[in-house]
Amino acid sequence: MDSSQGDVIQKQDTTLGILSHIAGLFTSWVGPLIIFLIKKGSGDKFSTDNAREALNFQITLLLWYFVCFILSFVLIGLFMFWLVALGNLVLSIVAAVKASEGTVYRYPLTMRLIN
């Protein structure tokens, strides 16, 4: 009976891990921050780590979008904006798939501001 409860908790953790990465696509840093703050004190390491990674990635993307905005005045920023958006989509999906497999995905080129 205890093992079935453990499986349910693991599935919940996996679902929140997936949600933290997918939420970043739609809410930027807000969704991962909410999941991180909710799960931070609960002792749920898997969901907390996934939310932390998604939050750090979304904060880094904000900085990249700002750089694209500044560079849009010389037109290269418009091209870079689409590359950053495509990178966000691809890497968030990869991270969600890794979370569904039970591993924490570490985004490349991400500043680890939240520890």
PDB file of N, CA and C in Angstrom:
ATOM      1  N   MET A   1       0.814  -1.186   0.000  1.00  0.00           N
ATOM      2  CA  MET A   1       0.000   0.000   0.000  1.00  0.00           C
ATOM      3  C   MET A   1       0.863   1.257   0.000  1.00  0.00           C
ATOM      4  N   ASP A   2       1.996   1.206   0.684  1.00  0.00           N
ATOM      5  CA  ASP A   2       2.875   2.364   0.702  1.00  0.00           C
ATOM      6  C   ASP A   2       3.497   2.610  -0.664  1.00  0.00           C
ATOM      7  N   SER A   3       3.786   1.536  -1.412  1.00  0.00           N
ATOM      8  CA  SER A   3       4.413   1.720  -2.720  1.00  0.00           C
ATOM      9  C   SER A   3       3.452   2.400  -3.697  1.00  0.00           C
ATOM     10  N   SER A   4       2.142   2.141  -3.581  1.00  0.00           N
ATOM     11  CA  SER A   4       1.211   2.808  -4.482  1.00  0.00           C
ATOM     12  C   SER A   4       1.137   4.292  -4.168  1.00  0.00           C
ATOM     13  N   GLN A   5       1.250   4.666  -2.893  1.00  0.00           N
ATOM     14  CA  GLN A   5       1.282   6.084  -2.543  1.00  0.00           C
ATOM     15  C   GLN A   5       2.554   6.728  -3.073  1.00  0.00           C
ATOM     16  N   GLY A   6       3.661   6.036  -3.024  1.00  0.00           N
ATOM     17  CA  GLY A   6       4.923   6.550  -3.548  1.00  0.00           C
ATOM     18  C   GLY A   6       4.852   6.777  -5.052  1.00  0.00           C
ATOM     19  N   ASP A   7       4.170   5.865  -5.763  1.00  0.00           N
ATOM     20  CA  ASP A   7       4.014   6.022  -7.209  1.00  0.00           C
ATOM     21  C   ASP A   7       3.175   7.241  -7.535  1.00  0.00           C
ATOM     22  N   VAL A   8       2.120   7.483  -6.762  1.00  0.00           N
ATOM     23  CA  VAL A   8       1.265   8.645  -6.991  1.00  0.00           C
ATOM     24  C   VAL A   8       2.046   9.920  -6.753  1.00  0.00           C
ATOM     25  N   ILE A   9       2.843   9.965  -5.695  1.00  0.00           N
ATOM     26  CA  ILE A   9       3.640  11.147  -5.412  1.00  0.00           C
ATOM     27  C   ILE A   9       4.657  11.353  -6.524  1.00  0.00           C
ATOM     28  N   GLN A  10       5.283  10.312  -7.007  1.00  0.00           N
ATOM     29  CA  GLN A  10       6.259  10.435  -8.081  1.00  0.00           C
ATOM     30  C   GLN A  10       5.598  10.952  -9.354  1.00  0.00           C
ATOM     31  N   LYS A  11       4.402  10.486  -9.666  1.00  0.00           N
ATOM     32  CA  LYS A  11       3.702  10.964 -10.857  1.00  0.00           C
ATOM     33  C   LYS A  11       3.337  12.431 -10.712  1.00  0.00           C
ATOM     34  N   GLN A  12       2.942  12.847  -9.501  1.00  0.00           N
ATOM     35  CA  GLN A  12       2.654  14.264  -9.254  1.00  0.00           C
ATOM     36  C   GLN A  12       3.909  15.098  -9.435  1.00  0.00           C
ATOM     37  N   ASP A  13       5.014  14.615  -8.920  1.00  0.00           N
ATOM     38  CA  ASP A  13       6.277  15.341  -9.045  1.00  0.00           C
ATOM     39  C   ASP A  13       6.664  15.477 -10.510  1.00  0.00           C
ATOM     40  N   THR A  14       6.511  14.401 -11.259  1.00  0.00           N
ATOM     41  CA  THR A  14       6.837  14.429 -12.681  1.00  0.00           C
ATOM     42  C   THR A  14       5.925  15.400 -13.418  1.00  0.00           C
ATOM     43  N   THR A  15       4.651  15.393 -13.081  1.00  0.00           N
ATOM     44  CA  THR A  15       3.703  16.298 -13.725  1.00  0.00           C
ATOM     45  C   THR A  15       4.054  17.753 -13.442  1.00  0.00           C
ATOM     46  N   LEU A  16       4.412  18.062 -12.208  1.00  0.00           N
ATOM     47  CA  LEU A  16       4.804  19.436 -11.887  1.00  0.00           C
ATOM     48  C   LEU A  16       6.122  19.819 -12.552  1.00  0.00           C
ATOM     49  N   GLY A  17       7.020  18.861 -12.702  1.00  0.00           N
ATOM     50  CA  GLY A  17       8.259  19.125 -13.417  1.00  0.00           C
ATOM     51  C   GLY A  17       8.000  19.476 -14.871  1.00  0.00           C
ATOM     52  N   ILE A  18       7.120  18.712 -15.510  1.00  0.00           N
ATOM     53  CA  ILE A  18       6.744  18.988 -16.896  1.00  0.00           C
ATOM     54  C   ILE A  18       6.047  20.340 -16.989  1.00  0.00           C
ATOM     55  N   LEU A  19       5.131  20.585 -16.080  1.00  0.00           N
ATOM     56  CA  LEU A  19       4.369  21.828 -16.084  1.00  0.00           C
ATOM     57  C   LEU A  19       5.255  23.053 -15.908  1.00  0.00           C
ATOM     58  N   SER A  20       6.295  22.939 -15.106  1.00  0.00           N
ATOM     59  CA  SER A  20       7.166  24.090 -14.895  1.00  0.00           C
ATOM     60  C   SER A  20       7.881  24.490 -16.184  1.00  0.00           C
ATOM     61  N   HIS A  21       8.242  23.530 -17.023  1.00  0.00           N
ATOM     62  CA  HIS A  21       8.906  23.848 -18.290  1.00  0.00           C
ATOM     63  C   HIS A  21       7.916  24.367 -19.330  1.00  0.00           C
ATOM     64  N   ILE A  22       6.755  23.740 -19.406  1.00  0.00           N
ATOM     65  CA  ILE A  22       5.745  24.162 -20.377  1.00  0.00           C
ATOM     66  C   ILE A  22       5.153  25.512 -19.991  1.00  0.00           C
ATOM     67  N   ALA A  23       4.987  25.766 -18.703  1.00  0.00           N
ATOM     68  CA  ALA A  23       4.455  27.052 -18.250  1.00  0.00           C
ATOM     69  C   ALA A  23       5.356  28.202 -18.669  1.00  0.00           C
ATOM     70  N   GLY A  24       6.656  27.936 -18.751  1.00  0.00           N
ATOM     71  CA  GLY A  24       7.581  28.968 -19.188  1.00  0.00           C
ATOM     72  C   GLY A  24       7.313  29.439 -20.604  1.00  0.00           C
ATOM     73  N   LEU A  25       6.792  28.566 -21.446  1.00  0.00           N
ATOM     74  CA  LEU A  25       6.460  28.956 -22.817  1.00  0.00           C
ATOM     75  C   LEU A  25       5.324  29.971 -22.858  1.00  0.00           C
ATOM     76  N   PHE A  26       4.375  29.848 -21.941  1.00  0.00           N
ATOM     77  CA  PHE A  26       3.182  30.672 -21.988  1.00  0.00           C
ATOM     78  C   PHE A  26       3.199  31.841 -21.007  1.00  0.00           C
ATOM     79  N   THR A  27       3.945  31.699 -19.900  1.00  0.00           N
ATOM     80  CA  THR A  27       3.906  32.737 -18.865  1.00  0.00           C
ATOM     81  C   THR A  27       5.271  33.345 -18.583  1.00  0.00           C
ATOM     82  N   SER A  28       6.263  33.006 -19.383  1.00  0.00           N
ATOM     83  CA  SER A  28       7.638  33.450 -19.169  1.00  0.00           C
ATOM     84  C   SER A  28       8.125  32.956 -17.811  1.00  0.00           C
ATOM     85  N   TRP A  29       8.545  33.819 -16.933  1.00  0.00           N
ATOM     86  CA  TRP A  29       9.124  33.418 -15.653  1.00  0.00           C
ATOM     87  C   TRP A  29       8.077  33.239 -14.559  1.00  0.00           C
ATOM     88  N   VAL A  30       6.842  33.682 -14.780  1.00  0.00           N
ATOM     89  CA  VAL A  30       5.822  33.681 -13.720  1.00  0.00           C
ATOM     90  C   VAL A  30       5.415  32.261 -13.328  1.00  0.00           C
ATOM     91  N   GLY A  31       5.117  31.407 -14.298  1.00  0.00           N
ATOM     92  CA  GLY A  31       4.697  30.033 -14.008  1.00  0.00           C
ATOM     93  C   GLY A  31       5.753  29.240 -13.260  1.00  0.00           C
ATOM     94  N   PRO A  32       7.002  29.213 -13.767  1.00  0.00           N
ATOM     95  CA  PRO A  32       8.043  28.496 -13.026  1.00  0.00           C
ATOM     96  C   PRO A  32       8.289  29.074 -11.630  1.00  0.00           C
ATOM     97  N   LEU A  33       8.150  30.394 -11.483  1.00  0.00           N
ATOM     98  CA  LEU A  33       8.343  31.000 -10.163  1.00  0.00           C
ATOM     99  C   LEU A  33       7.267  30.537  -9.183  1.00  0.00           C
ATOM    100  N   ILE A  34       6.033  30.473  -9.621  1.00  0.00           N
ATOM    101  CA  ILE A  34       4.942  30.028  -8.740  1.00  0.00           C
ATOM    102  C   ILE A  34       5.169  28.587  -8.313  1.00  0.00           C
ATOM    103  N   ILE A  35       5.521  27.721  -9.252  1.00  0.00           N
ATOM    104  CA  ILE A  35       5.767  26.312  -8.915  1.00  0.00           C
ATOM    105  C   ILE A  35       6.971  26.201  -7.990  1.00  0.00           C
ATOM    106  N   PHE A  36       8.016  26.973  -8.259  1.00  0.00           N
ATOM    107  CA  PHE A  36       9.213  26.945  -7.414  1.00  0.00           C
ATOM    108  C   PHE A  36       8.882  27.375  -5.987  1.00  0.00           C
ATOM    109  N   LEU A  37       8.123  28.452  -5.830  1.00  0.00           N
ATOM    110  CA  LEU A  37       7.792  28.942  -4.485  1.00  0.00           C
ATOM    111  C   LEU A  37       6.880  27.982  -3.732  1.00  0.00           C
ATOM    112  N   ILE A  38       5.975  27.336  -4.443  1.00  0.00           N
ATOM    113  CA  ILE A  38       5.073  26.386  -3.792  1.00  0.00           C
ATOM    114  C   ILE A  38       5.821  25.139  -3.339  1.00  0.00           C
ATOM    115  N   LYS A  39       6.701  24.609  -4.179  1.00  0.00           N
ATOM    116  CA  LYS A  39       7.364  23.335  -3.889  1.00  0.00           C
ATOM    117  C   LYS A  39       8.680  23.480  -3.132  1.00  0.00           C
ATOM    118  N   LYS A  40       9.193  24.704  -2.989  1.00  0.00           N
ATOM    119  CA  LYS A  40      10.506  24.906  -2.375  1.00  0.00           C
ATOM    120  C   LYS A  40      10.574  24.373  -0.952  1.00  0.00           C
ATOM    121  N   GLY A  41       9.589  24.605  -0.146  1.00  0.00           N
ATOM    122  CA  GLY A  41       9.635  24.183   1.243  1.00  0.00           C
ATOM    123  C   GLY A  41       9.034  22.819   1.512  1.00  0.00           C
ATOM    124  N   SER A  42       8.529  22.149   0.477  1.00  0.00           N
ATOM    125  CA  SER A  42       7.812  20.889   0.702  1.00  0.00           C
ATOM    126  C   SER A  42       8.724  19.668   0.739  1.00  0.00           C
ATOM    127  N   GLY A  43       9.992  19.836   0.417  1.00  0.00           N
ATOM    128  CA  GLY A  43      10.900  18.693   0.408  1.00  0.00           C
ATOM    129  C   GLY A  43      10.848  17.897  -0.883  1.00  0.00           C
ATOM    130  N   ASP A  44      10.100  18.387  -1.871  1.00  0.00           N
ATOM    131  CA  ASP A  44       9.983  17.737  -3.169  1.00  0.00           C
ATOM    132  C   ASP A  44      11.128  18.222  -4.056  1.00  0.00           C
ATOM    133  N   LYS A  45      12.227  17.498  -4.024  1.00  0.00           N
ATOM    134  CA  LYS A  45      13.439  17.927  -4.718  1.00  0.00           C
ATOM    135  C   LYS A  45      13.279  17.925  -6.235  1.00  0.00           C
ATOM    136  N   PHE A  46      12.599  16.945  -6.796  1.00  0.00           N
ATOM    137  CA  PHE A  46      12.479  16.827  -8.249  1.00  0.00           C
ATOM    138  C   PHE A  46      11.721  18.011  -8.845  1.00  0.00           C
ATOM    139  N   SER A  47      10.551  18.316  -8.305  1.00  0.00           N
ATOM    140  CA  SER A  47       9.761  19.441  -8.820  1.00  0.00           C
ATOM    141  C   SER A  47      10.471  20.762  -8.587  1.00  0.00           C
ATOM    142  N   THR A  48      11.103  20.911  -7.429  1.00  0.00           N
ATOM    143  CA  THR A  48      11.817  22.144  -7.115  1.00  0.00           C
ATOM    144  C   THR A  48      12.978  22.350  -8.076  1.00  0.00           C
ATOM    145  N   ASP A  49      13.741  21.307  -8.342  1.00  0.00           N
ATOM    146  CA  ASP A  49      14.880  21.429  -9.260  1.00  0.00           C
ATOM    147  C   ASP A  49      14.431  21.758 -10.679  1.00  0.00           C
ATOM    148  N   ASN A  50      13.359  21.123 -11.143  1.00  0.00           N
ATOM    149  CA  ASN A  50      12.845  21.430 -12.480  1.00  0.00           C
ATOM    150  C   ASN A  50      12.326  22.854 -12.565  1.00  0.00           C
ATOM    151  N   ALA A  51      11.605  23.297 -11.550  1.00  0.00           N
ATOM    152  CA  ALA A  51      11.090  24.671 -11.545  1.00  0.00           C
ATOM    153  C   ALA A  51      12.239  25.673 -11.476  1.00  0.00           C
ATOM    154  N   ARG A  52      13.284  25.367 -10.700  1.00  0.00           N
ATOM    155  CA  ARG A  52      14.446  26.251 -10.602  1.00  0.00           C
ATOM    156  C   ARG A  52      15.142  26.379 -11.957  1.00  0.00           C
ATOM    157  N   GLU A  53      15.337  25.258 -12.641  1.00  0.00           N
ATOM    158  CA  GLU A  53      15.971  25.295 -13.956  1.00  0.00           C
ATOM    159  C   GLU A  53      15.128  26.085 -14.962  1.00  0.00           C
ATOM    160  N   ALA A  54      13.820  25.854 -14.952  1.00  0.00           N
ATOM    161  CA  ALA A  54      12.940  26.575 -15.874  1.00  0.00           C
ATOM    162  C   ALA A  54      12.941  28.073 -15.555  1.00  0.00           C
ATOM    163  N   LEU A  55      12.957  28.418 -14.279  1.00  0.00           N
ATOM    164  CA  LEU A  55      12.977  29.818 -13.872  1.00  0.00           C
ATOM    165  C   LEU A  55      14.282  30.491 -14.299  1.00  0.00           C
ATOM    166  N   ASN A  56      15.400  29.846 -14.056  1.00  0.00           N
ATOM    167  CA  ASN A  56      16.683  30.406 -14.483  1.00  0.00           C
ATOM    168  C   ASN A  56      16.731  30.585 -15.997  1.00  0.00           C
ATOM    169  N   PHE A  57      16.204  29.630 -16.738  1.00  0.00           N
ATOM    170  CA  PHE A  57      16.195  29.722 -18.192  1.00  0.00           C
ATOM    171  C   PHE A  57      15.319  30.878 -18.660  1.00  0.00           C
ATOM    172  N   GLN A  58      14.151  31.034 -18.070  1.00  0.00           N
ATOM    173  CA  GLN A  58      13.248  32.106 -18.491  1.00  0.00           C
ATOM    174  C   GLN A  58      13.806  33.483 -18.143  1.00  0.00           C
ATOM    175  N   ILE A  59      14.500  33.603 -17.016  1.00  0.00           N
ATOM    176  CA  ILE A  59      15.139  34.872 -16.673  1.00  0.00           C
ATOM    177  C   ILE A  59      16.255  35.179 -17.665  1.00  0.00           C
ATOM    178  N   THR A  60      17.034  34.172 -18.030  1.00  0.00           N
ATOM    179  CA  THR A  60      18.078  34.361 -19.036  1.00  0.00           C
ATOM    180  C   THR A  60      17.473  34.773 -20.371  1.00  0.00           C
ATOM    181  N   LEU A  61      16.333  34.176 -20.730  1.00  0.00           N
ATOM    182  CA  LEU A  61      15.672  34.552 -21.983  1.00  0.00           C
ATOM    183  C   LEU A  61      15.210  35.999 -21.953  1.00  0.00           C
ATOM    184  N   LEU A  62      14.759  36.477 -20.805  1.00  0.00           N
ATOM    185  CA  LEU A  62      14.374  37.889 -20.705  1.00  0.00           C
ATOM    186  C   LEU A  62      15.542  38.795 -21.063  1.00  0.00           C
ATOM    187  N   LEU A  63      16.712  38.435 -20.577  1.00  0.00           N
ATOM    188  CA  LEU A  63      17.900  39.222 -20.910  1.00  0.00           C
ATOM    189  C   LEU A  63      18.209  39.147 -22.402  1.00  0.00           C
ATOM    190  N   TRP A  64      18.050  37.962 -22.999  1.00  0.00           N
ATOM    191  CA  TRP A  64      18.283  37.822 -24.430  1.00  0.00           C
ATOM    192  C   TRP A  64      17.260  38.610 -25.244  1.00  0.00           C
ATOM    193  N   TYR A  65      15.994  38.614 -24.807  1.00  0.00           N
ATOM    194  CA  TYR A  65      14.975  39.400 -25.506  1.00  0.00           C
ATOM    195  C   TYR A  65      15.292  40.895 -25.415  1.00  0.00           C
ATOM    196  N   PHE A  66      15.828  41.338 -24.289  1.00  0.00           N
ATOM    197  CA  PHE A  66      16.221  42.729 -24.141  1.00  0.00           C
ATOM    198  C   PHE A  66      17.353  43.071 -25.113  1.00  0.00           C
ATOM    199  N   VAL A  67      18.328  42.181 -25.239  1.00  0.00           N
ATOM    200  CA  VAL A  67      19.410  42.380 -26.200  1.00  0.00           C
ATOM    201  C   VAL A  67      18.846  42.441 -27.620  1.00  0.00           C
ATOM    202  N   CYS A  68      17.897  41.577 -27.926  1.00  0.00           N
ATOM    203  CA  CYS A  68      17.274  41.592 -29.254  1.00  0.00           C
ATOM    204  C   CYS A  68      16.537  42.907 -29.497  1.00  0.00           C
ATOM    205  N   PHE A  69      15.882  43.416 -28.469  1.00  0.00           N
ATOM    206  CA  PHE A  69      15.183  44.700 -28.597  1.00  0.00           C
ATOM    207  C   PHE A  69      16.165  45.817 -28.906  1.00  0.00           C
ATOM    208  N   ILE A  70      17.270  45.860 -28.183  1.00  0.00           N
ATOM    209  CA  ILE A  70      18.282  46.892 -28.418  1.00  0.00           C
ATOM    210  C   ILE A  70      18.862  46.745 -29.830  1.00  0.00           C
ATOM    211  N   LEU A  71      19.146  45.517 -30.234  1.00  0.00           N
ATOM    212  CA  LEU A  71      19.731  45.291 -31.562  1.00  0.00           C
ATOM    213  C   LEU A  71      18.719  45.414 -32.700  1.00  0.00           C
ATOM    214  N   SER A  72      17.436  45.500 -32.373  1.00  0.00           N
ATOM    215  CA  SER A  72      16.442  45.640 -33.437  1.00  0.00           C
ATOM    216  C   SER A  72      16.558  46.988 -34.138  1.00  0.00           C
ATOM    217  N   PHE A  73      17.213  47.948 -33.500  1.00  0.00           N
ATOM    218  CA  PHE A  73      17.411  49.239 -34.139  1.00  0.00           C
ATOM    219  C   PHE A  73      18.412  49.153 -35.294  1.00  0.00           C
ATOM    220  N   VAL A  74      19.216  48.113 -35.320  1.00  0.00           N
ATOM    221  CA  VAL A  74      20.116  47.876 -36.457  1.00  0.00           C
ATOM    222  C   VAL A  74      19.680  46.640 -37.240  1.00  0.00           C
ATOM    223  N   LEU A  75      18.453  46.210 -37.038  1.00  0.00           N
ATOM    224  CA  LEU A  75      17.757  45.144 -37.764  1.00  0.00           C
ATOM    225  C   LEU A  75      18.236  43.731 -37.491  1.00  0.00           C
ATOM    226  N   ILE A  76      19.406  43.524 -36.940  1.00  0.00           N
ATOM    227  CA  ILE A  76      19.842  42.158 -36.645  1.00  0.00           C
ATOM    228  C   ILE A  76      19.055  41.580 -35.469  1.00  0.00           C
ATOM    229  N   GLY A  77      18.557  42.458 -34.610  1.00  0.00           N
ATOM    230  CA  GLY A  77      17.782  42.014 -33.456  1.00  0.00           C
ATOM    231  C   GLY A  77      16.485  41.331 -33.835  1.00  0.00           C
ATOM    232  N   LEU A  78      15.899  41.729 -34.961  1.00  0.00           N
ATOM    233  CA  LEU A  78      14.661  41.083 -35.415  1.00  0.00           C
ATOM    234  C   LEU A  78      14.909  39.627 -35.771  1.00  0.00           C
ATOM    235  N   PHE A  79      16.029  39.348 -36.408  1.00  0.00           N
ATOM    236  CA  PHE A  79      16.407  37.974 -36.727  1.00  0.00           C
ATOM    237  C   PHE A  79      16.731  37.203 -35.448  1.00  0.00           C
ATOM    238  N   MET A  80      17.476  37.844 -34.555  1.00  0.00           N
ATOM    239  CA  MET A  80      17.855  37.191 -33.296  1.00  0.00           C
ATOM    240  C   MET A  80      16.633  36.881 -32.432  1.00  0.00           C
ATOM    241  N   PHE A  81      15.617  37.764 -32.477  1.00  0.00           N
ATOM    242  CA  PHE A  81      14.402  37.531 -31.695  1.00  0.00           C
ATOM    243  C   PHE A  81      13.780  36.193 -32.057  1.00  0.00           C
ATOM    244  N   TRP A  82      13.709  35.899 -33.348  1.00  0.00           N
ATOM    245  CA  TRP A  82      13.106  34.638 -33.788  1.00  0.00           C
ATOM    246  C   TRP A  82      13.965  33.442 -33.407  1.00  0.00           C
ATOM    247  N   LEU A  83      15.280  33.614 -33.419  1.00  0.00           N
ATOM    248  CA  LEU A  83      16.160  32.530 -32.981  1.00  0.00           C
ATOM    249  C   LEU A  83      15.992  32.240 -31.488  1.00  0.00           C
ATOM    250  N   VAL A  84      15.880  33.296 -30.694  1.00  0.00           N
ATOM    251  CA  VAL A  84      15.690  33.119 -29.249  1.00  0.00           C
ATOM    252  C   VAL A  84      14.338  32.464 -28.980  1.00  0.00           C
ATOM    253  N   ALA A  85      13.297  32.903 -29.684  1.00  0.00           N
ATOM    254  CA  ALA A  85      11.966  32.314 -29.500  1.00  0.00           C
ATOM    255  C   ALA A  85      11.950  30.838 -29.909  1.00  0.00           C
ATOM    256  N   LEU A  86      12.622  30.509 -30.998  1.00  0.00           N
ATOM    257  CA  LEU A  86      12.697  29.114 -31.436  1.00  0.00           C
ATOM    258  C   LEU A  86      13.490  28.275 -30.433  1.00  0.00           C
ATOM    259  N   GLY A  87      14.576  28.831 -29.926  1.00  0.00           N
ATOM    260  CA  GLY A  87      15.353  28.141 -28.895  1.00  0.00           C
ATOM    261  C   GLY A  87      14.532  27.897 -27.645  1.00  0.00           C
ATOM    262  N   ASN A  88      13.706  28.866 -27.261  1.00  0.00           N
ATOM    263  CA  ASN A  88      12.830  28.708 -26.101  1.00  0.00           C
ATOM    264  C   ASN A  88      11.872  27.546 -26.324  1.00  0.00           C
ATOM    265  N   LEU A  89      11.263  27.500 -27.491  1.00  0.00           N
ATOM    266  CA  LEU A  89      10.308  26.434 -27.795  1.00  0.00           C
ATOM    267  C   LEU A  89      10.974  25.062 -27.776  1.00  0.00           C
ATOM    268  N   VAL A  90      12.071  24.927 -28.487  1.00  0.00           N
ATOM    269  CA  VAL A  90      12.739  23.621 -28.607  1.00  0.00           C
ATOM    270  C   VAL A  90      13.280  23.156 -27.262  1.00  0.00           C
ATOM    271  N   LEU A  91      14.002  24.028 -26.569  1.00  0.00           N
ATOM    272  CA  LEU A  91      14.616  23.616 -25.300  1.00  0.00           C
ATOM    273  C   LEU A  91      13.586  23.352 -24.214  1.00  0.00           C
ATOM    274  N   SER A  92      12.483  24.100 -24.216  1.00  0.00           N
ATOM    275  CA  SER A  92      11.429  23.848 -23.220  1.00  0.00           C
ATOM    276  C   SER A  92      10.761  22.501 -23.464  1.00  0.00           C
ATOM    277  N   ILE A  93      10.566  22.145 -24.724  1.00  0.00           N
ATOM    278  CA  ILE A  93       9.975  20.838 -25.038  1.00  0.00           C
ATOM    279  C   ILE A  93      10.941  19.722 -24.660  1.00  0.00           C
ATOM    280  N   VAL A  94      12.220  19.892 -24.966  1.00  0.00           N
ATOM    281  CA  VAL A  94      13.219  18.885 -24.591  1.00  0.00           C
ATOM    282  C   VAL A  94      13.247  18.717 -23.073  1.00  0.00           C
ATOM    283  N   ALA A  95      13.206  19.837 -22.339  1.00  0.00           N
ATOM    284  CA  ALA A  95      13.225  19.775 -20.880  1.00  0.00           C
ATOM    285  C   ALA A  95      11.971  19.090 -20.333  1.00  0.00           C
ATOM    286  N   ALA A  96      10.817  19.343 -20.949  1.00  0.00           N
ATOM    287  CA  ALA A  96       9.580  18.695 -20.503  1.00  0.00           C
ATOM    288  C   ALA A  96       9.638  17.189 -20.745  1.00  0.00           C
ATOM    289  N   VAL A  97      10.196  16.777 -21.862  1.00  0.00           N
ATOM    290  CA  VAL A  97      10.337  15.346 -22.145  1.00  0.00           C
ATOM    291  C   VAL A  97      11.287  14.699 -21.144  1.00  0.00           C
ATOM    292  N   LYS A  98      12.400  15.377 -20.849  1.00  0.00           N
ATOM    293  CA  LYS A  98      13.348  14.841 -19.850  1.00  0.00           C
ATOM    294  C   LYS A  98      12.689  14.749 -18.482  1.00  0.00           C
ATOM    295  N   ALA A  99      11.868  15.735 -18.130  1.00  0.00           N
ATOM    296  CA  ALA A  99      11.168  15.692 -16.843  1.00  0.00           C
ATOM    297  C   ALA A  99      10.175  14.531 -16.806  1.00  0.00           C
ATOM    298  N   SER A 100       9.554  14.230 -17.938  1.00  0.00           N
ATOM    299  CA  SER A 100       8.628  13.099 -17.975  1.00  0.00           C
ATOM    300  C   SER A 100       9.363  11.774 -17.807  1.00  0.00           C
ATOM    301  N   GLU A 101      10.652  11.756 -18.151  1.00  0.00           N
ATOM    302  CA  GLU A 101      11.478  10.558 -17.973  1.00  0.00           C
ATOM    303  C   GLU A 101      12.066  10.471 -16.571  1.00  0.00           C
ATOM    304  N   GLY A 102      11.863  11.509 -15.771  1.00  0.00           N
ATOM    305  CA  GLY A 102      12.336  11.487 -14.396  1.00  0.00           C
ATOM    306  C   GLY A 102      13.711  12.090 -14.179  1.00  0.00           C
ATOM    307  N   THR A 103      14.210  12.865 -15.150  1.00  0.00           N
ATOM    308  CA  THR A 103      15.511  13.509 -14.985  1.00  0.00           C
ATOM    309  C   THR A 103      15.349  15.020 -15.046  1.00  0.00           C
ATOM    310  N   VAL A 104      16.263  15.719 -14.399  1.00  0.00           N
ATOM    311  CA  VAL A 104      16.258  17.176 -14.413  1.00  0.00           C
ATOM    312  C   VAL A 104      17.142  17.624 -15.567  1.00  0.00           C
ATOM    313  N   TYR A 105      16.585  18.400 -16.478  1.00  0.00           N
ATOM    314  CA  TYR A 105      17.316  18.887 -17.642  1.00  0.00           C
ATOM    315  C   TYR A 105      18.009  20.198 -17.291  1.00  0.00           C
ATOM    316  N   ARG A 106      19.288  20.295 -17.633  1.00  0.00           N
ATOM    317  CA  ARG A 106      20.042  21.534 -17.426  1.00  0.00           C
ATOM    318  C   ARG A 106      20.121  22.257 -18.764  1.00  0.00           C
ATOM    319  N   TYR A 107      19.473  23.411 -18.832  1.00  0.00           N
ATOM    320  CA  TYR A 107      19.471  24.199 -20.060  1.00  0.00           C
ATOM    321  C   TYR A 107      20.876  24.704 -20.369  1.00  0.00           C
ATOM    322  N   PRO A 108      21.273  24.661 -21.652  1.00  0.00           N
ATOM    323  CA  PRO A 108      22.592  25.205 -22.000  1.00  0.00           C
ATOM    324  C   PRO A 108      22.548  26.743 -22.036  1.00  0.00           C
ATOM    325  N   LEU A 109      23.685  27.371 -21.838  1.00  0.00           N
ATOM    326  CA  LEU A 109      23.844  28.818 -21.903  1.00  0.00           C
ATOM    327  C   LEU A 109      22.893  29.557 -20.966  1.00  0.00           C
ATOM    328  N   THR A 110      22.674  29.012 -19.796  1.00  0.00           N
ATOM    329  CA  THR A 110      21.747  29.611 -18.838  1.00  0.00           C
ATOM    330  C   THR A 110      22.509  30.086 -17.613  1.00  0.00           C
ATOM    331  N   MET A 111      22.200  31.300 -17.211  1.00  0.00           N
ATOM    332  CA  MET A 111      22.783  31.826 -15.972  1.00  0.00           C
ATOM    333  C   MET A 111      22.013  31.213 -14.800  1.00  0.00           C
ATOM    334  N   ARG A 112      22.705  30.676 -13.847  1.00  0.00           N
ATOM    335  CA  ARG A 112      22.077  30.063 -12.686  1.00  0.00           C
ATOM    336  C   ARG A 112      21.950  31.127 -11.581  1.00  0.00           C
ATOM    337  N   LEU A 113      20.917  31.951 -11.675  1.00  0.00           N
ATOM    338  CA  LEU A 113      20.730  33.040 -10.725  1.00  0.00           C
ATOM    339  C   LEU A 113      20.012  32.583  -9.462  1.00  0.00           C
ATOM    340  N   ILE A 114      19.095  31.633  -9.605  1.00  0.00           N
ATOM    341  CA  ILE A 114      18.333  31.099  -8.476  1.00  0.00           C
ATOM    342  C   ILE A 114      18.964  29.780  -8.082  1.00  0.00           C
ATOM    343  N   ASN A 115      19.422  29.682  -6.833  1.00  0.00           N
ATOM    344  CA  ASN A 115      20.060  28.445  -6.364  1.00  0.00           C
ATOM    345  C   ASN A 115      19.224  27.726  -5.361  1.00  0.00           C
TER     346      ASN A 115
END
